[in-house]
Amino acid sequence: MWRGPRRILTWGATDDEATARLPGDDLLDDADGVSTRAIGIDAPASCVWPWLAQLGPSPRGGAYTYDWIENLLGLGMHSVDRVLEEYQHPAVGDTIGFGKNRMRLELVEPGRALAWRSGDGNWVWTFVLRETDGCTRLVSRNRFRLPTIGSQLGMLPMGPASLVMERKMLHGIKRRAERLALERRSITLPQRSPPGPPDRQAPRA
C-alpha cells in the first residue's frame, strides 16, 4: 500500500476517523492508498449536505476550492455560493465529468453519505457527515488504486497538491454551510413587533 506522510493523508481527521471503516469503503477494498481528511462545521448536517449534493463541474456547484487551478486542468469548475435546487436530489447512477475520469454515484444516503467512483474503478471519493448537538464533522475519504509504475510515481507530487486543494474545499464547504445555517435561523426566529409610542397620561383638570 502507498503510504505518504500521515499529516498529508489525514489532515484534520481524528485517529478514530482516519482508521474507521466508512460507508463506501467496500467500493474499493483493495486500495493501494487511502487519504482521510476532515473538518468540524458549526452547522447541522442539513446545512452541509446541499453543498455536497451539487458538487461538480458547471452547471453544477463547483468544488469550492481554487477554481483557477481546477480550470487550468480543464475541469470546468465554477464554485457557487448558493444552493442549486435542481441538484439537490442526487441518485445512484448519476455521472459527472472530472477531467479524464467519468465519476458515477455509487452510494447516496441523504444527509449522511455520498460516494463517487471513477469509470476505471481505480478511485472512490466518499463524503460522510456525522452530526452531534447541531454541529457536524465532514469526513472526506479518497481510496485509490495505483496499477502502473507511472501512477505510483505520479502520486508523489499529487499527495501534497491534493492536500492544498482539499483543505481549501473543506474550508469552502464549512463557510457556506455555516452561513446557510445562520440564514435559516434568522428566518425561523420570531419577529418582534416594534415598540409602540409611550403612553401619555391625560392632563389633570
Foldseek 3Di string as FASTA:
>chain_A
DDDDPLCLQEPQHDPCQQPDDDPPCVLCVPFPDKGKYKDKAQAALVLLQLLVQQEAAPPGAFLQFPVVVQVVLPRRGDHDLDRDVVRNDDDFQDWYDGRVWIWTWHDDDRSAKTWIATPVSFKIWMWGWDDDPRMIMIMIMITGHQPDPVSVVVVPVVSNVVSNGVVSSNVSSSVSSNVVRVVVVVVPDDDDDDDDDDDDDDDDD
